[in-house]
Amino acid sequence: MFATTTPAMSIGDRNVEATKKALAKLGVPIIASDTGLNYGRTVSFNASDGSLEIMSSLKGNKTI
């Protein structure tokens, strides 16, 4: 009766693919990414140098 979503087609995966397509259409290169899996992230963008800090209580912090 209702369509089911498989793990391969989760909303998160669809959002990532849609975002990649939109950025490609605008000519914006993706030089790094941190998506997927099953843990949350908080991000902080530094406009002065273009870095992005990714903070996670599960995986620690990293800068891309």
N, C-alpha and C. Protein backbone atom coordinates (compact mmCIF):
# COMPACT_ATOMS: atom_id res chain seq x y z
N MET A 1 0.81 -1.19 0.00
CA MET A 1 0.00 0.00 0.00
C MET A 1 0.86 1.26 0.00
N PHE A 2 1.83 1.33 0.90
CA PHE A 2 2.71 2.49 0.98
C PHE A 2 4.10 2.11 0.50
N ALA A 3 4.71 3.01 -0.23
CA ALA A 3 6.08 2.76 -0.68
C ALA A 3 7.01 2.85 0.52
N THR A 4 7.94 1.95 0.57
CA THR A 4 8.92 1.98 1.66
C THR A 4 10.23 2.53 1.13
N THR A 5 10.95 3.17 2.00
CA THR A 5 12.25 3.71 1.64
C THR A 5 13.32 2.74 2.10
N THR A 6 14.15 2.33 1.19
CA THR A 6 15.25 1.44 1.54
C THR A 6 16.39 2.26 2.11
N PRO A 7 17.27 1.63 2.88
CA PRO A 7 18.42 2.37 3.41
C PRO A 7 19.23 3.05 2.31
N ALA A 8 19.29 2.43 1.13
CA ALA A 8 20.06 3.00 0.03
C ALA A 8 19.44 4.29 -0.50
N MET A 9 18.19 4.51 -0.25
CA MET A 9 17.50 5.70 -0.74
C MET A 9 16.96 6.54 0.41
N SER A 10 17.69 6.63 1.50
CA SER A 10 17.24 7.41 2.65
C SER A 10 17.17 8.89 2.30
N ILE A 11 16.44 9.63 3.09
CA ILE A 11 16.30 11.07 2.86
C ILE A 11 17.66 11.76 2.90
N GLY A 12 18.52 11.33 3.81
CA GLY A 12 19.85 11.93 3.89
C GLY A 12 20.65 11.74 2.61
N ASP A 13 20.61 10.53 2.07
CA ASP A 13 21.32 10.25 0.82
C ASP A 13 20.75 11.08 -0.33
N ARG A 14 19.44 11.19 -0.37
CA ARG A 14 18.81 11.99 -1.43
C ARG A 14 19.18 13.46 -1.29
N ASN A 15 19.25 13.96 -0.05
CA ASN A 15 19.64 15.36 0.16
C ASN A 15 21.08 15.60 -0.30
N VAL A 16 21.97 14.68 0.00
CA VAL A 16 23.37 14.82 -0.41
C VAL A 16 23.46 14.86 -1.93
N GLU A 17 22.79 13.94 -2.61
CA GLU A 17 22.84 13.90 -4.07
C GLU A 17 22.24 15.15 -4.69
N ALA A 18 21.12 15.63 -4.14
CA ALA A 18 20.50 16.85 -4.67
C ALA A 18 21.42 18.05 -4.48
N THR A 19 22.09 18.12 -3.34
CA THR A 19 23.01 19.23 -3.07
C THR A 19 24.21 19.18 -4.01
N LYS A 20 24.76 18.00 -4.24
CA LYS A 20 25.88 17.86 -5.17
C LYS A 20 25.49 18.29 -6.57
N LYS A 21 24.30 17.91 -7.01
CA LYS A 21 23.83 18.30 -8.34
C LYS A 21 23.65 19.81 -8.44
N ALA A 22 23.08 20.42 -7.40
CA ALA A 22 22.86 21.87 -7.41
C ALA A 22 24.19 22.62 -7.44
N LEU A 23 25.16 22.17 -6.65
CA LEU A 23 26.47 22.82 -6.63
C LEU A 23 27.18 22.66 -7.97
N ALA A 24 27.08 21.48 -8.57
CA ALA A 24 27.70 21.26 -9.88
C ALA A 24 27.07 22.17 -10.93
N LYS A 25 25.76 22.31 -10.88
CA LYS A 25 25.06 23.18 -11.84
C LYS A 25 25.52 24.63 -11.71
N LEU A 26 25.85 25.04 -10.49
CA LEU A 26 26.32 26.40 -10.24
C LEU A 26 27.82 26.55 -10.44
N GLY A 27 28.50 25.45 -10.72
CA GLY A 27 29.94 25.50 -10.92
C GLY A 27 30.74 25.58 -9.64
N VAL A 28 30.15 25.16 -8.53
CA VAL A 28 30.84 25.21 -7.24
C VAL A 28 31.51 23.86 -7.00
N PRO A 29 32.84 23.84 -6.91
CA PRO A 29 33.52 22.56 -6.70
C PRO A 29 33.39 22.08 -5.25
N ILE A 30 33.31 20.79 -5.08
CA ILE A 30 33.33 20.19 -3.74
C ILE A 30 34.75 19.69 -3.52
N ILE A 31 35.43 20.27 -2.55
CA ILE A 31 36.83 19.89 -2.31
C ILE A 31 36.98 18.99 -1.09
N ALA A 32 35.93 18.88 -0.27
CA ALA A 32 35.94 17.98 0.88
C ALA A 32 34.50 17.79 1.32
N SER A 33 34.25 16.69 1.99
CA SER A 33 32.90 16.45 2.51
C SER A 33 32.96 15.52 3.71
N ASP A 34 31.91 15.57 4.50
CA ASP A 34 31.74 14.68 5.65
C ASP A 34 30.24 14.46 5.80
N THR A 35 29.73 13.43 5.16
CA THR A 35 28.29 13.16 5.18
C THR A 35 28.05 11.68 5.45
N GLY A 36 26.80 11.36 5.72
CA GLY A 36 26.40 9.98 5.89
C GLY A 36 26.63 9.44 7.29
N LEU A 37 26.52 8.15 7.39
CA LEU A 37 26.63 7.41 8.64
C LEU A 37 25.53 7.82 9.62
N ASN A 38 25.68 7.47 10.87
CA ASN A 38 24.58 7.62 11.81
C ASN A 38 24.95 8.41 13.05
N TYR A 39 25.66 9.50 12.86
CA TYR A 39 25.97 10.36 14.00
C TYR A 39 25.81 11.82 13.60
N GLY A 40 25.49 12.65 14.58
CA GLY A 40 25.25 14.06 14.32
C GLY A 40 26.52 14.87 14.25
N ARG A 41 26.40 16.00 13.60
CA ARG A 41 27.51 16.92 13.45
C ARG A 41 27.01 18.35 13.63
N THR A 42 27.90 19.19 14.11
CA THR A 42 27.68 20.63 14.14
C THR A 42 28.82 21.24 13.34
N VAL A 43 28.52 22.25 12.53
CA VAL A 43 29.57 22.85 11.71
C VAL A 43 29.70 24.33 12.00
N SER A 44 30.90 24.83 11.81
CA SER A 44 31.20 26.25 11.95
C SER A 44 32.07 26.66 10.77
N PHE A 45 31.58 27.61 9.97
CA PHE A 45 32.30 28.07 8.78
C PHE A 45 33.07 29.33 9.11
N ASN A 46 34.36 29.37 8.74
CA ASN A 46 35.20 30.54 8.92
C ASN A 46 35.32 31.24 7.57
N ALA A 47 34.61 32.35 7.41
CA ALA A 47 34.57 33.06 6.13
C ALA A 47 35.92 33.68 5.77
N SER A 48 36.77 33.97 6.75
CA SER A 48 38.04 34.63 6.44
C SER A 48 39.03 33.70 5.74
N ASP A 49 38.97 32.39 6.04
CA ASP A 49 39.91 31.47 5.38
C ASP A 49 39.22 30.32 4.65
N GLY A 50 37.89 30.25 4.70
CA GLY A 50 37.15 29.23 3.98
C GLY A 50 37.15 27.86 4.63
N SER A 51 37.64 27.77 5.86
CA SER A 51 37.67 26.47 6.53
C SER A 51 36.32 26.16 7.17
N LEU A 52 36.06 24.89 7.36
CA LEU A 52 34.83 24.42 7.98
C LEU A 52 35.21 23.48 9.10
N GLU A 53 34.84 23.84 10.32
CA GLU A 53 35.11 22.97 11.45
C GLU A 53 33.90 22.07 11.66
N ILE A 54 34.14 20.77 11.74
CA ILE A 54 33.08 19.79 11.97
C ILE A 54 33.28 19.23 13.36
N MET A 55 32.26 19.38 14.19
CA MET A 55 32.33 18.94 15.58
C MET A 55 31.34 17.80 15.81
N SER A 56 31.82 16.74 16.45
CA SER A 56 30.98 15.59 16.76
C SER A 56 31.42 15.00 18.08
N SER A 57 30.47 14.75 18.97
CA SER A 57 30.83 14.13 20.25
C SER A 57 31.27 12.68 20.04
N LEU A 58 30.80 12.05 18.98
CA LEU A 58 31.16 10.66 18.70
C LEU A 58 32.50 10.53 17.99
N LYS A 59 32.77 11.40 17.02
CA LYS A 59 33.97 11.28 16.19
C LYS A 59 35.02 12.36 16.44
N GLY A 60 34.75 13.29 17.37
CA GLY A 60 35.70 14.36 17.63
C GLY A 60 35.56 15.49 16.63
N ASN A 61 36.50 16.41 16.66
CA ASN A 61 36.47 17.58 15.78
C ASN A 61 37.50 17.45 14.67
N LYS A 62 37.17 18.04 13.52
CA LYS A 62 38.14 18.12 12.43
C LYS A 62 37.82 19.35 11.60
N THR A 63 38.82 19.83 10.88
CA THR A 63 38.65 20.99 10.03
C THR A 63 38.92 20.58 8.59
N ILE A 64 38.01 20.99 7.72
CA ILE A 64 38.21 20.72 6.29
C ILE A 64 38.13 22.02 5.53
